[in-house]
Protein backbone atom coordinates (compact mmCIF):
# COMPACT_ATOMS: atom_id res chain seq x y z
CA UNK A 1 -10.04 0.35 73.64
CA UNK A 2 -8.96 -1.65 70.57
CA UNK A 3 -11.95 -3.00 68.60
CA UNK A 4 -11.87 -6.53 67.52
CA UNK A 5 -10.88 -6.72 63.74
CA UNK A 6 -13.53 -8.07 61.33
CA UNK A 7 -12.39 -11.23 59.73
CA UNK A 8 -13.96 -12.87 56.49
CA UNK A 9 -13.26 -16.41 56.00
CA UNK A 10 -13.64 -17.67 52.37
CA UNK A 11 -14.02 -21.27 51.80
CA UNK A 12 -11.14 -22.84 49.81
CA UNK A 13 -13.14 -23.80 46.81
CA UNK A 14 -14.58 -20.38 46.51
CA UNK A 15 -11.02 -18.83 47.01
CA UNK A 16 -9.83 -21.10 43.92
CA UNK A 17 -12.65 -20.04 42.02
CA UNK A 18 -12.09 -16.27 42.52
CA UNK A 19 -8.40 -17.05 41.73
CA UNK A 20 -9.27 -18.89 38.64
CA UNK A 21 -11.79 -16.10 37.47
CA UNK A 22 -9.08 -13.47 38.18
CA UNK A 23 -6.49 -15.44 36.06
CA UNK A 24 -8.84 -15.86 33.35
CA UNK A 25 -9.65 -12.40 33.15
CA UNK A 26 -6.11 -11.21 33.40
CA UNK A 27 -5.09 -13.85 30.70
CA UNK A 28 -8.07 -12.86 28.32
CA UNK A 29 -6.99 -9.25 28.83
CA UNK A 30 -3.43 -9.91 27.98
CA UNK A 31 -4.57 -11.88 24.85
CA UNK A 32 -6.82 -8.92 23.92
CA UNK A 33 -3.98 -6.35 24.17
CA UNK A 34 -1.54 -8.76 22.11
CA UNK A 35 -4.11 -9.70 19.06
CA UNK A 36 -6.17 -6.19 19.21
CA UNK A 37 -3.41 -3.91 19.98
CA UNK A 38 -4.13 -0.36 21.23
CA UNK A 39 -6.51 1.98 19.42
CA UNK A 40 -4.85 4.88 17.61
CA UNK A 41 -6.15 8.34 18.64
CA UNK A 42 -4.00 10.10 16.09
CA UNK A 43 -1.79 9.54 13.37
CA UNK A 44 1.69 8.29 14.23
CA UNK A 45 4.93 8.39 12.08
CA UNK A 46 7.51 5.52 12.85
CA UNK A 47 11.08 6.72 12.25
CA UNK A 48 14.20 4.58 11.58
CA UNK A 49 17.34 6.59 12.30
CA UNK A 50 20.46 4.46 11.49
CA UNK A 51 22.73 7.10 12.59
CA UNK A 52 21.54 6.16 16.38
CA UNK A 53 20.51 2.70 15.60
CA UNK A 54 16.89 3.57 17.03
CA UNK A 55 13.38 3.51 15.88
CA UNK A 56 11.05 6.23 17.23
CA UNK A 57 7.58 7.10 16.95
CA UNK A 58 6.29 10.63 16.47
CA UNK A 59 2.66 11.21 17.77
CA UNK A 60 1.08 13.69 15.14
CA UNK A 61 -1.27 14.97 17.85
CA UNK A 62 1.48 16.94 19.51
CA UNK A 63 4.49 16.21 17.50
CA UNK A 64 6.49 14.49 20.31
CA UNK A 65 8.83 11.76 19.68
CA UNK A 66 9.43 8.74 21.85
CA UNK A 67 12.18 5.96 21.27
CA UNK A 68 10.55 2.74 20.72
CA UNK A 69 13.38 0.11 20.23
CA UNK A 70 16.81 -0.59 18.65
CA UNK A 71 16.66 -0.27 14.92
CA UNK A 72 18.50 -3.72 14.78
CA UNK A 73 19.79 -3.34 11.10
CA UNK A 74 16.19 -2.42 9.82
CA UNK A 75 16.03 -0.82 6.31
CA UNK A 76 12.30 -0.84 5.76
CA UNK A 77 9.48 0.44 7.99
CA UNK A 78 5.90 -0.29 6.62
CA UNK A 79 2.61 0.79 8.14
CA UNK A 80 -0.83 -0.78 7.27
CA UNK A 81 -3.99 0.96 8.33
CA UNK A 82 -6.23 -2.05 7.75
CA UNK A 83 -4.04 -4.16 10.04
CA UNK A 84 -3.41 -1.27 12.56
CA UNK A 85 0.17 -2.15 12.85
CA UNK A 86 3.70 -1.18 11.86
CA UNK A 87 6.27 -3.88 10.54
CA UNK A 88 10.06 -3.46 10.25
CA UNK A 89 12.62 -5.92 8.97
CA UNK A 90 15.43 -6.51 11.28
CA UNK A 91 18.42 -8.93 11.23
CA UNK A 92 16.33 -11.25 13.38
CA UNK A 93 13.22 -11.43 11.38
CA UNK A 94 10.30 -9.01 11.48
CA UNK A 95 9.31 -6.68 14.48
CA UNK A 96 5.83 -5.61 14.86
CA UNK A 97 5.43 -2.12 16.49
CA UNK A 98 2.53 -0.63 18.23
CA UNK A 99 3.15 3.09 17.74
CA UNK A 100 0.50 3.99 20.44
CA UNK A 101 2.57 2.16 22.94
CA UNK A 102 5.95 3.12 21.29
CA UNK A 103 7.33 -0.33 21.59
CA UNK A 104 7.77 -3.63 19.85
CA UNK A 105 4.75 -5.95 20.64
CA UNK A 106 5.91 -9.15 18.83
CA UNK A 107 8.46 -10.63 16.48
CA UNK A 108 8.39 -13.20 13.82
CA UNK A 109 11.70 -15.13 13.15
CA UNK A 110 12.71 -15.68 9.45
CA UNK A 111 15.56 -17.86 8.28
CA UNK A 112 17.02 -15.07 6.08
CA UNK A 113 17.59 -11.35 6.02
CA UNK A 114 14.46 -9.52 4.60
CA UNK A 115 14.93 -7.02 1.82
CA UNK A 116 11.43 -5.57 1.68
CA UNK A 117 7.97 -5.72 3.27
CA UNK A 118 4.65 -5.59 1.68
CA UNK A 119 1.13 -5.49 3.25
CA UNK A 120 -1.80 -6.43 1.14
CA UNK A 121 -4.71 -4.16 1.02
CA UNK A 122 -6.92 -6.15 3.20
CA UNK A 123 -4.29 -6.08 6.11
CA UNK A 124 -4.40 -9.88 6.28
CA UNK A 125 -1.17 -10.76 4.84
CA UNK A 126 2.32 -9.77 5.06
CA UNK A 127 4.93 -10.64 2.19
CA UNK A 128 8.60 -10.57 3.36
CA UNK A 129 10.83 -10.69 0.45
CA UNK A 130 14.33 -12.45 1.12
CA UNK A 131 17.26 -12.83 -0.98
CA UNK A 132 16.12 -16.41 -2.06
CA UNK A 133 12.45 -16.48 -1.08
CA UNK A 134 9.23 -15.04 -0.40
CA UNK A 135 7.74 -15.70 3.13
CA UNK A 136 3.78 -15.24 3.34
CA UNK A 137 2.94 -14.39 6.77
CA UNK A 138 -0.68 -14.36 8.54
CA UNK A 139 -0.85 -10.71 10.35
CA UNK A 140 -3.45 -11.84 12.64
CA UNK A 141 -1.81 -14.94 14.10
CA UNK A 142 1.80 -13.79 13.40
CA UNK A 143 2.81 -17.06 11.88
CA UNK A 144 4.55 -17.97 8.52
CA UNK A 145 1.89 -19.55 6.05
CA UNK A 146 4.13 -20.43 3.09
CA UNK A 147 7.80 -19.80 2.03
CA UNK A 148 8.26 -19.60 -1.85
CA UNK A 149 11.75 -20.36 -3.14
CA UNK A 150 12.81 -18.18 -5.93
CA UNK A 151 15.11 -18.41 -8.53
CA UNK A 152 16.65 -15.09 -8.07
CA UNK A 153 16.28 -12.15 -5.61
CA UNK A 154 12.73 -10.46 -5.94
CA UNK A 155 12.66 -7.08 -7.20
CA UNK A 156 8.89 -6.27 -6.32
CA UNK A 157 5.80 -7.73 -5.29
CA UNK A 158 2.06 -6.83 -5.42
CA UNK A 159 -0.99 -8.77 -3.94
CA UNK A 160 -4.71 -8.58 -5.05
CA UNK A 161 -7.42 -6.86 -2.81
CA UNK A 162 -8.50 -10.22 -1.29
CA UNK A 163 -5.15 -11.52 -0.29
CA UNK A 164 -5.30 -14.64 -2.37
CA UNK A 165 -2.77 -14.07 -5.09
CA UNK A 166 0.43 -12.46 -5.18
CA UNK A 167 2.75 -11.50 -8.11
CA UNK A 168 6.68 -11.52 -7.80
CA UNK A 169 9.07 -9.89 -10.06
CA UNK A 170 12.44 -11.19 -10.30
CA UNK A 171 14.86 -10.32 -13.07
CA UNK A 172 13.39 -10.96 -16.53
CA UNK A 173 10.52 -13.10 -14.85
CA UNK A 174 7.07 -12.39 -13.37
CA UNK A 175 5.49 -15.25 -11.05
CA UNK A 176 1.90 -15.57 -10.02
CA UNK A 177 1.61 -17.16 -6.46
CA UNK A 178 -1.35 -18.66 -4.70
CA UNK A 179 -0.68 -17.03 -1.29
CA UNK A 180 -2.28 -19.42 1.17
CA UNK A 181 -0.21 -22.21 0.10
CA UNK A 182 2.69 -20.77 -1.64
CA UNK A 183 2.29 -22.50 -4.96
CA UNK A 184 3.62 -20.64 -8.05
CA UNK A 185 0.60 -20.84 -10.46
CA UNK A 186 2.23 -19.52 -13.49
CA UNK A 187 5.21 -17.53 -14.73
CA UNK A 188 5.90 -15.38 -17.87
CA UNK A 189 9.15 -13.63 -19.13
CA UNK A 190 9.49 -9.99 -19.00
CA UNK A 191 11.96 -7.33 -19.96
CA UNK A 192 15.32 -7.88 -18.41
CA UNK A 193 15.42 -4.31 -17.11
CA UNK A 194 11.96 -4.59 -15.36
CA UNK A 195 12.20 -3.23 -12.03
CA UNK A 196 8.73 -2.06 -10.67
CA UNK A 197 5.43 -3.58 -10.51
CA UNK A 198 1.95 -2.33 -9.74
CA UNK A 199 -1.66 -3.58 -10.05
CA UNK A 200 -4.42 -1.68 -11.69
CA UNK A 201 -7.16 0.06 -9.48
CA UNK A 202 -9.70 -2.61 -10.21
CA UNK A 203 -7.32 -5.53 -9.69
CA UNK A 204 -7.40 -7.28 -13.02
CA UNK A 205 -4.27 -5.90 -14.80
CA UNK A 206 -0.58 -5.78 -13.72
CA UNK A 207 1.79 -2.85 -14.91
CA UNK A 208 5.46 -3.73 -15.23
CA UNK A 209 7.98 -0.79 -15.52
CA UNK A 210 11.33 -1.34 -17.50
CA UNK A 211 14.22 1.14 -17.20
CA UNK A 212 16.09 0.09 -20.22
CA UNK A 213 19.30 -0.78 -18.38
CA UNK A 214 20.71 -4.26 -18.36
CA UNK A 215 20.28 -4.54 -22.29
CA UNK A 216 16.61 -3.96 -21.88
CA UNK A 217 13.94 -1.68 -23.51
CA UNK A 218 12.66 1.28 -21.57
CA UNK A 219 8.80 0.78 -21.56
CA UNK A 220 5.77 -0.25 -19.80
CA UNK A 221 4.13 -3.42 -20.18
CA UNK A 222 0.43 -4.47 -19.28
CA UNK A 223 -0.10 -8.16 -18.15
CA UNK A 224 -3.56 -9.68 -17.63
CA UNK A 225 -3.61 -10.45 -14.04
CA UNK A 226 -5.45 -13.98 -14.29
CA UNK A 227 -3.74 -15.39 -17.29
CA UNK A 228 -0.15 -13.51 -17.18
CA UNK A 229 -0.85 -12.95 -20.88
CA UNK A 230 1.16 -9.77 -22.02
CA UNK A 231 -1.67 -7.69 -23.41
CA UNK A 232 0.48 -4.65 -24.54
CA UNK A 233 4.23 -3.51 -24.42
CA UNK A 234 4.62 0.22 -24.83
CA UNK A 235 8.19 1.49 -25.49
CA UNK A 236 8.80 4.80 -24.06
CA UNK A 237 12.04 6.12 -25.56
CA UNK A 238 10.05 7.91 -28.44
CA UNK A 239 7.62 9.45 -25.91
CA UNK A 240 10.36 10.68 -23.56
CA UNK A 241 13.78 9.60 -23.96
CA UNK A 242 14.89 11.15 -20.57
CA UNK A 243 12.59 9.04 -18.57
CA UNK A 244 13.53 5.63 -17.59
CA UNK A 245 10.60 3.97 -15.92
CA UNK A 246 11.28 2.78 -12.48
CA UNK A 247 8.45 4.06 -10.33
CA UNK A 248 4.70 3.50 -10.64
CA UNK A 249 1.76 5.30 -9.00
CA UNK A 250 -1.90 4.13 -9.29
CA UNK A 251 -4.54 6.72 -9.25
CA UNK A 252 -7.27 5.93 -6.81
CA UNK A 253 -9.81 7.79 -8.76
CA UNK A 254 -9.53 6.44 -12.29
CA UNK A 255 -7.63 4.40 -14.57
CA UNK A 256 -4.46 6.14 -14.86
CA UNK A 257 -1.11 5.09 -13.94
CA UNK A 258 1.78 7.76 -13.30
CA UNK A 259 5.17 6.55 -14.31
CA UNK A 260 8.34 8.42 -12.95
CA UNK A 261 12.07 7.68 -13.97
CA UNK A 262 14.11 10.87 -14.07
CA UNK A 263 14.02 13.57 -16.54
CA UNK A 264 12.83 16.19 -14.24
CA UNK A 265 14.64 19.60 -13.75
CA UNK A 266 14.30 22.77 -11.51
CA UNK A 267 11.96 24.02 -14.05
CA UNK A 268 9.94 21.14 -15.19
CA UNK A 269 8.46 17.86 -13.54
CA UNK A 270 8.38 14.94 -16.17
CA UNK A 271 6.47 11.93 -16.06
CA UNK A 272 4.48 9.62 -18.22
CA UNK A 273 0.64 8.99 -17.81
CA UNK A 274 -0.68 5.47 -18.76
CA UNK A 275 -4.29 5.21 -19.51
CA UNK A 276 -5.39 1.67 -18.54
CA UNK A 277 -8.90 1.89 -20.63
CA UNK A 278 -7.04 2.67 -23.88
CA UNK A 279 -3.65 1.04 -23.04
CA UNK A 280 -2.01 4.27 -24.21
CA UNK A 281 0.70 6.33 -22.78
CA UNK A 282 1.57 9.77 -23.15
CA UNK A 283 4.54 12.19 -21.81
CA UNK A 284 3.61 15.09 -19.50
CA UNK A 285 5.80 18.04 -18.62
CA UNK A 286 4.66 20.26 -15.82
CA UNK A 287 6.47 23.81 -15.57
CA UNK A 288 7.35 24.74 -12.10
CA UNK A 289 6.58 27.98 -10.50
CA UNK A 290 9.90 29.61 -10.00
CA UNK A 291 11.17 30.95 -6.50
CA UNK A 292 14.40 31.22 -4.90
CA UNK A 293 14.12 27.77 -3.31
CA UNK A 294 12.64 25.83 -6.83
CA UNK A 295 15.43 27.34 -8.81
CA UNK A 296 17.90 25.47 -7.02
CA UNK A 297 16.48 21.95 -7.15
CA UNK A 298 15.87 19.11 -9.62
CA UNK A 299 12.47 17.61 -8.93
CA UNK A 300 13.59 13.96 -9.04
CA UNK A 301 12.82 13.32 -5.43
CA UNK A 302 10.10 11.21 -3.81
CA UNK A 303 6.63 11.08 -5.29
CA UNK A 304 3.30 10.79 -3.78
CA UNK A 305 -0.36 10.97 -4.78
CA UNK A 306 -2.97 12.80 -2.64
CA UNK A 307 -5.79 10.80 -1.11
CA UNK A 308 -8.28 11.07 -4.07
CA UNK A 309 -5.53 11.11 -6.83
CA UNK A 310 -6.23 14.75 -7.80
CA UNK A 311 -2.94 16.05 -6.45
CA UNK A 312 0.55 14.91 -7.18
CA UNK A 313 3.61 15.73 -4.74
CA UNK A 314 6.96 15.54 -6.15
CA UNK A 315 9.98 16.22 -3.81
CA UNK A 316 13.36 17.91 -4.55
CA UNK A 317 16.44 19.30 -2.76
CA UNK A 318 17.13 23.01 -2.41
CA UNK A 319 19.63 25.58 -1.14
CA UNK A 320 19.93 27.29 1.02
CA UNK A 321 16.67 27.38 2.96
CA UNK A 322 14.37 24.46 2.72
CA UNK A 323 13.37 21.32 1.03
CA UNK A 324 10.59 22.08 -1.49
CA UNK A 325 7.63 19.83 -2.76
CA UNK A 326 5.87 20.47 -5.95
CA UNK A 327 2.30 20.05 -5.81
CA UNK A 328 0.51 19.37 -9.26
CA UNK A 329 -3.05 19.22 -10.26
CA UNK A 330 -3.26 15.73 -12.15
CA UNK A 331 -6.46 16.84 -14.00
CA UNK A 332 -4.92 19.94 -15.63
CA UNK A 333 -1.32 18.88 -15.39
CA UNK A 334 -0.14 22.12 -13.94
CA UNK A 335 1.86 23.29 -10.82
CA UNK A 336 -0.48 24.45 -8.15
CA UNK A 337 2.12 25.58 -5.81
CA UNK A 338 5.48 24.78 -4.40
CA UNK A 339 5.43 23.71 -0.70
CA UNK A 340 8.36 24.24 1.69
CA UNK A 341 9.45 21.98 4.34
CA UNK A 342 11.05 23.22 7.56
CA UNK A 343 14.93 23.70 7.53
CA UNK A 344 17.55 23.36 10.10
CA UNK A 345 19.69 26.14 8.53
CA UNK A 346 22.16 23.85 6.66
CA UNK A 347 23.08 24.90 3.21
CA UNK A 348 21.98 21.66 1.33
CA UNK A 349 18.97 19.77 1.77
CA UNK A 350 17.76 16.33 0.73
CA UNK A 351 14.42 14.63 0.78
CA UNK A 352 14.68 10.98 1.54
CA UNK A 353 11.03 10.11 1.52
CA UNK A 354 7.44 11.51 1.75
CA UNK A 355 4.58 10.05 3.49
CA UNK A 356 0.97 11.26 3.79
CA UNK A 357 -1.49 11.21 6.64
CA UNK A 358 -5.42 11.60 5.85
CA UNK A 359 -7.38 11.91 9.16
CA UNK A 360 -10.74 13.36 9.67
CA UNK A 361 -10.54 15.29 6.18
CA UNK A 362 -7.23 16.91 7.05
CA UNK A 363 -4.15 15.87 4.82
CA UNK A 364 -0.69 16.31 5.96
CA UNK A 365 2.56 15.67 4.36
CA UNK A 366 5.63 14.20 6.50
CA UNK A 367 9.08 14.58 4.78
CA UNK A 368 12.17 12.64 5.88
CA UNK A 369 15.02 15.31 5.48
CA UNK A 370 18.66 15.15 5.61
CA UNK A 371 20.77 18.17 5.54
CA UNK A 372 24.46 19.12 4.93
CA UNK A 373 26.52 21.85 6.16
CA UNK A 374 29.64 22.85 4.31
CA UNK A 375 31.65 23.97 7.27
CA UNK A 376 30.48 21.71 10.02
CA UNK A 377 30.22 18.14 10.92
CA UNK A 378 26.73 18.74 12.27
CA UNK A 379 24.15 17.34 9.76
CA UNK A 380 20.66 17.54 10.86
CA UNK A 381 18.09 14.97 10.27
CA UNK A 382 14.47 15.81 10.82
CA UNK A 383 10.97 14.81 9.99
CA UNK A 384 8.85 17.96 8.98
CA UNK A 385 5.19 18.31 8.63
CA UNK A 386 2.98 20.43 6.39
CA UNK A 387 -0.65 21.01 6.60
CA UNK A 388 -1.63 20.75 2.99
CA UNK A 389 -4.83 22.78 2.94
CA UNK A 390 -3.19 25.91 4.19
CA UNK A 391 0.42 24.99 3.10
CA UNK A 392 1.54 25.94 6.76
CA UNK A 393 4.47 24.18 8.48
CA UNK A 394 3.06 22.31 11.16
CA UNK A 395 6.31 20.98 13.06
CA UNK A 396 9.91 19.89 12.69
CA UNK A 397 11.03 16.86 14.77
CA UNK A 398 14.70 16.79 14.70
CA UNK A 399 16.81 13.61 15.39
CA UNK A 400 20.25 12.83 14.98
CA UNK A 401 23.04 15.50 14.27
CA UNK A 402 25.95 13.71 12.78
CA UNK A 403 26.74 10.97 10.27
CA UNK A 404 26.75 10.44 6.53
CA UNK A 405 24.07 10.81 3.91
CA UNK A 406 23.71 7.07 3.76
CA UNK A 407 22.17 7.08 7.27
CA UNK A 408 19.22 9.34 6.19
CA UNK A 409 15.94 8.74 8.22
CA UNK A 410 13.02 6.39 6.88
CA UNK A 411 9.86 5.56 7.83
CA UNK A 412 5.82 5.50 7.33
CA UNK A 413 2.57 6.99 8.70
CA UNK A 414 -0.06 5.08 10.30
CA UNK A 415 -3.42 6.53 10.27
CA UNK A 416 -6.16 5.58 12.84
CA UNK A 417 -9.21 3.77 11.69
CA UNK A 418 -12.49 5.93 11.99
CA UNK A 419 -14.15 5.02 15.20
CA UNK A 420 -17.57 5.12 13.69
CA UNK A 421 -17.48 2.83 10.60
CA UNK A 422 -20.64 1.14 9.72
CA UNK A 423 -20.69 -2.69 8.79
CA UNK A 424 -22.38 -3.82 5.62
CA UNK A 425 -23.56 -6.98 4.01
CA UNK A 426 -23.40 -7.71 0.44
CA UNK A 427 -26.11 -9.98 -1.31
CA UNK A 428 -25.43 -11.19 -4.87
CA UNK A 429 -28.24 -11.90 -7.18
CA UNK A 430 -28.26 -13.51 -10.71
CA UNK A 431 -30.99 -13.75 -13.23
CA UNK A 432 -32.08 -17.38 -13.90
CA UNK A 433 -29.20 -18.92 -15.81
CA UNK A 434 -29.87 -18.58 -19.51
CA UNK A 435 -29.80 -21.65 -21.55
CA UNK A 436 -29.23 -19.78 -24.78
CA UNK A 437 -25.98 -18.33 -26.10
CA UNK A 438 -27.87 -15.30 -27.55
CA UNK A 439 -29.04 -13.65 -24.29
CA UNK A 440 -27.33 -11.53 -21.76
CA UNK A 441 -26.89 -12.28 -18.02
CA UNK A 442 -27.16 -9.76 -15.23
CA UNK A 443 -25.50 -9.99 -11.75
CA UNK A 444 -26.83 -7.55 -8.96
CA UNK A 445 -25.07 -6.80 -5.80
CA UNK A 446 -27.04 -5.13 -3.01
CA UNK A 447 -25.04 -3.38 -0.32
CA UNK A 448 -26.53 -2.66 3.11
CA UNK A 449 -25.89 0.45 5.10
CA UNK A 450 -26.60 4.11 4.93
CA UNK A 451 -25.53 5.75 1.57
CA UNK A 452 -22.42 3.42 0.96
CA UNK A 453 -20.15 4.71 -1.57
CA UNK A 454 -17.44 3.15 -3.61
CA UNK A 455 -17.42 0.13 -5.88
CA UNK A 456 -18.34 -3.60 -5.99
CA UNK A 457 -15.91 -6.04 -7.60
CA UNK A 458 -17.47 -8.90 -9.44
CA UNK A 459 -15.01 -11.97 -8.95
CA UNK A 460 -15.45 -14.78 -11.74
CA UNK A 461 -13.67 -18.20 -11.27
CA UNK A 462 -13.70 -21.16 -13.41
CA UNK A 463 -15.06 -24.32 -11.65
CA UNK A 464 -14.45 -25.16 -8.13
CA UNK A 465 -10.47 -25.35 -8.34
CA UNK A 466 -8.87 -23.43 -5.32
CA UNK A 467 -6.16 -22.10 -7.64
CA UNK A 468 -8.40 -21.54 -10.68
CA UNK A 469 -7.68 -18.27 -12.55
CA UNK A 470 -9.98 -15.32 -11.27
CA UNK A 471 -11.04 -12.53 -13.27
CA UNK A 472 -12.74 -9.39 -12.00
CA UNK A 473 -15.09 -6.75 -13.15
CA UNK A 474 -15.43 -3.34 -11.16
CA UNK A 475 -18.91 -1.47 -11.11
CA UNK A 476 -19.60 1.64 -9.15
CA UNK A 477 -22.21 1.70 -6.81
CA UNK A 478 -25.58 3.58 -7.61
CA UNK A 479 -27.18 4.08 -4.40
CA UNK A 480 -27.03 0.71 -2.76
CA UNK A 481 -26.87 -1.56 -6.04
CA UNK A 482 -24.15 -2.46 -8.40
CA UNK A 483 -25.28 -4.16 -11.68
CA UNK A 484 -23.07 -6.00 -14.05
CA UNK A 485 -24.49 -7.19 -17.36
CA UNK A 486 -22.47 -9.63 -19.45
CA UNK A 487 -22.95 -9.88 -23.20
CA UNK A 488 -24.53 -12.59 -24.93
CA UNK A 489 -21.98 -15.52 -25.47
CA UNK A 490 -22.25 -15.49 -29.34
CA UNK A 491 -20.77 -12.08 -29.46
CA UNK A 492 -17.13 -10.86 -29.25
CA UNK A 493 -15.97 -9.72 -25.72
CA UNK A 494 -13.40 -7.11 -25.16
CA UNK A 495 -12.12 -9.26 -22.37
CA UNK A 496 -11.60 -12.74 -24.02
CA UNK A 497 -10.45 -14.60 -20.66
CA UNK A 498 -13.58 -13.48 -19.07
CA UNK A 499 -15.62 -14.57 -22.09
CA UNK A 500 -14.07 -18.01 -21.83
CA UNK A 501 -15.03 -18.33 -18.09
CA UNK A 502 -18.37 -16.63 -18.09
CA UNK A 503 -19.55 -18.72 -21.08
CA UNK A 504 -18.81 -21.98 -19.63
CA UNK A 505 -21.03 -24.70 -18.24
CA UNK A 506 -20.24 -24.11 -14.66
CA UNK A 507 -18.38 -21.08 -12.92
CA UNK A 508 -18.44 -19.41 -9.87
CA UNK A 509 -19.18 -15.58 -8.94
CA UNK A 510 -18.51 -13.52 -5.87
CA UNK A 511 -19.38 -9.72 -5.24
CA UNK A 512 -17.00 -7.80 -2.88
CA UNK A 513 -17.79 -4.37 -1.65
CA UNK A 514 -14.64 -2.47 -1.32
CA UNK A 515 -16.01 -0.15 1.30
CA UNK A 516 -15.37 3.51 1.91
CA UNK A 517 -14.37 5.77 4.92
CA UNK A 518 -17.67 5.17 6.61
CA UNK A 519 -18.27 1.64 5.80
CA UNK A 520 -16.76 -1.74 6.07
CA UNK A 521 -15.94 -4.11 3.15
CA UNK A 522 -18.06 -7.11 2.83
CA UNK A 523 -18.37 -9.88 0.57
CA UNK A 524 -21.22 -11.85 -0.77
CA UNK A 525 -21.72 -15.74 -0.83
CA UNK A 526 -20.19 -17.55 -3.94
CA UNK A 527 -22.83 -18.42 -6.30
CA UNK A 528 -22.68 -21.24 -8.80
CA UNK A 529 -23.71 -19.88 -12.55
CA UNK A 530 -23.69 -21.64 -15.69
CA UNK A 531 -24.06 -20.55 -19.49
CA UNK A 532 -24.45 -22.79 -22.48
């Protein structure tokens, strides 16, 4: 016998409420996925392959590759750990890739092709360099904040650690830009052969590298970040005539800048070291441990600093077995060992790029490899992985098997953000503002949290103007406290621009804790100070 079915009747108003709640939850979840993205459980390498017009994602947990999208004319892939995203320049603007999902999650259209992409260290702004302008993009909202017209195509760009200012290098000129509005604050002439730009570790100085081409002089120029005053120009021909500065690496652990520009052989790696504290440069030649692989290569390939700056990795091509990477101890300036990337059996190997992954205390190298066979049209392209601690090959992920050298692989690594990162707060205190010019003034930053490490940047700004010059002094944490003591105003300061601001009737001070692997960044409230 059939039983009568149970029927539940829901009033129309209640049904509408349920539908509304369901729609709201679905809409909120969709928004959450769009803006938050998916959490990374392992590092990912995003790889561009012009030979097949594809961009793929390699999961470094198991070294499997998935095709994410069409490459669409892209030439640059840039990953940002603070932003948790990967950006790619395409013929139609910027594509944003979620590597965990292996797909494009959003696009930002732009009116011109993009030459290069730079993400600031905060992960809040993306700078897209076009042929005629720099486009400043809000990474969170995926919208263009400002477009800055340029008189010539940009060569390089760096941004400060607060995302407020950017510096653009064009042929013979360096511009300072206020990023939120796109206003060019100041410009200065530089060497016509200048092609590389970097910012010092504490953010207060700019370093410009000039190759000596185009009628210029090979050298390094130090520029004050707040005023664009040229503090020192160092010609390098007398130090190392074979080095034409074109690449700059900033050491994360000290005030050194490593400068590359050719000059290396199979037996030595050559570079310059610029000491920011003394504003002096010297030439370095590191003998390389000889082996059947290293004897056949010139170490003029990609360069990469290790996570703490104590090791330097310099790539080269080799024949017949593998690409090699020289590991250099930056303290002793000696060759620790020569690491071999995996091979696909071709006679000639070329290393197009190096990227590093540093997760849970494990540092790995990813090498973008192109190989050439003399008697075959098959020319493998792959990404090889090395565990640096052991020197062992972890994997070799092979992509296209045909094409020309101009279609070499390129890409970048995105590391996951540590799951257990402690929030911090920074409290800035000052002594009562002294009325006399003959006394010192002390600023103290107290950072909350369990044994925070790293540094605090004290930022000084003249008055309340939004685009006023900003100066920085970096102080290491001792326990939970960083203390900065300014000299009396009636003395000569090593930093004359800071003396001008910090001895004025009214100036603004902010303390910024830069964070570490276990603690998030934090910033104090801005306080008003004065000296007479």
